[in-house]
Amino acid sequence: YRPMTIRSALTLAFLLNLISHRLLWLAALRYDSTGQRIVAETCVAFLEGMLIFAVVSRRPGTESRISRLGWSLLTAIGVNTLSLLIGLIMMPAMINR
């Protein structure tokens, strides 16, 4: 395996986020409540966490699979929390055009 650099990790994360959030925002336009948007964002965060885990679990290392899963999900949830906050601020402006 070739080591994953910060640049390659950020590029993969950006591409994953770009794809998943375009789909999320298209679906979120149909949702009526903030709660529905939070549930949708949580589902996207979980999916992204599992995809991150799929990548990191194939790489050699000393961490256990449980540790890798935990860090993958924690990373995805943390990043998507920021995305959710930005989305909740921007979505009303986009809907009320």
Protein backbone atom coordinates (compact mmCIF):
# COMPACT_ATOMS: atom_id res chain seq x y z
CA TYR A 1 0.00 0.00 0.00
CA ARG A 2 1.09 3.51 -0.72
CA PRO A 3 0.77 5.70 2.39
CA MET A 4 -2.20 8.03 2.45
CA THR A 5 -1.00 11.60 2.63
CA ILE A 6 -2.91 14.49 4.11
CA ARG A 7 -3.46 15.79 0.60
CA SER A 8 -4.91 12.50 -0.70
CA ALA A 9 -7.07 12.04 2.41
CA LEU A 10 -8.48 15.56 2.11
CA THR A 11 -9.10 15.09 -1.61
CA LEU A 12 -11.00 11.84 -1.03
CA ALA A 13 -13.01 13.38 1.82
CA PHE A 14 -13.85 16.43 -0.27
CA LEU A 15 -15.03 14.33 -3.21
CA LEU A 16 -17.11 12.10 -0.95
CA ASN A 17 -18.66 15.13 0.75
CA LEU A 18 -19.31 16.85 -2.58
CA ILE A 19 -21.25 13.86 -3.90
CA SER A 20 -23.18 13.01 -0.74
CA HIS A 21 -24.17 16.57 0.09
CA ARG A 22 -25.42 17.39 -3.37
CA LEU A 23 -27.82 14.46 -2.99
CA LEU A 24 -28.69 15.50 0.56
CA TRP A 25 -29.49 19.08 -0.42
CA LEU A 26 -31.69 17.93 -3.30
CA ALA A 27 -33.63 15.68 -0.94
CA ALA A 28 -33.75 18.29 1.84
CA LEU A 29 -35.68 20.71 -0.38
CA ARG A 30 -38.65 18.35 0.04
CA TYR A 31 -38.45 18.29 3.84
CA ASP A 32 -40.72 20.53 5.87
CA SER A 33 -39.02 20.52 9.24
CA THR A 34 -35.59 21.04 10.71
CA GLY A 35 -35.90 17.64 12.41
CA GLN A 36 -36.20 15.90 9.04
CA ARG A 37 -33.08 17.71 7.83
CA ILE A 38 -31.17 16.69 10.96
CA VAL A 39 -32.14 13.04 10.44
CA ALA A 40 -31.05 13.24 6.79
CA GLU A 41 -27.71 14.82 7.77
CA THR A 42 -27.19 12.11 10.40
CA CYS A 43 -27.78 9.42 7.77
CA VAL A 44 -25.26 11.08 5.44
CA ALA A 45 -22.71 11.33 8.29
CA PHE A 46 -23.15 7.62 9.05
CA LEU A 47 -22.76 6.68 5.38
CA GLU A 48 -19.64 8.82 5.05
CA GLY A 49 -18.23 7.32 8.26
CA MET A 50 -18.74 3.82 6.91
CA LEU A 51 -17.06 4.74 3.62
CA ILE A 52 -14.12 6.27 5.50
CA PHE A 53 -13.93 3.05 7.54
CA ALA A 54 -13.94 0.97 4.36
CA VAL A 55 -10.88 2.87 3.15
CA VAL A 56 -8.92 2.89 6.43
CA SER A 57 -9.70 -0.73 7.31
CA ARG A 58 -7.89 -1.91 4.17
CA ARG A 59 -4.69 -0.11 5.13
CA PRO A 60 -2.07 -1.75 7.34
CA GLY A 61 -1.80 -0.48 10.89
CA THR A 62 -1.78 -1.46 14.54
CA GLU A 63 -5.20 -0.04 15.47
CA SER A 64 -8.05 -2.46 16.03
CA ARG A 65 -11.03 -2.51 13.66
CA ILE A 66 -13.23 -1.16 16.46
CA SER A 67 -10.84 1.75 16.99
CA ARG A 68 -10.78 2.50 13.27
CA LEU A 69 -14.57 2.31 13.09
CA GLY A 70 -14.94 4.65 16.07
CA TRP A 71 -12.54 7.24 14.67
CA SER A 72 -14.11 6.99 11.21
CA LEU A 73 -17.60 7.64 12.55
CA LEU A 74 -16.41 10.35 14.94
CA THR A 75 -14.62 12.15 12.12
CA ALA A 76 -17.65 11.99 9.83
CA ILE A 77 -20.03 13.14 12.58
CA GLY A 78 -17.76 16.04 13.54
CA VAL A 79 -17.36 17.30 10.00
CA ASN A 80 -21.04 16.84 9.23
CA THR A 81 -22.07 18.72 12.37
CA LEU A 82 -20.33 21.75 10.93
CA SER A 83 -21.99 21.09 7.58
CA LEU A 84 -25.38 20.80 9.28
CA LEU A 85 -24.97 24.13 11.03
CA ILE A 86 -24.03 25.83 7.77
CA GLY A 87 -26.92 24.11 5.99
CA LEU A 88 -29.47 25.15 8.61
CA ILE A 89 -28.34 28.74 8.21
CA MET A 90 -28.33 28.69 4.40
CA MET A 91 -31.30 26.43 3.61
CA PRO A 92 -34.09 28.89 4.54
CA ALA A 93 -32.54 31.52 2.26
CA MET A 94 -32.39 29.00 -0.59
CA ILE A 95 -35.96 27.80 -0.09
CA ASN A 96 -37.45 31.30 0.11
CA ARG A 97 -36.10 32.48 -3.26
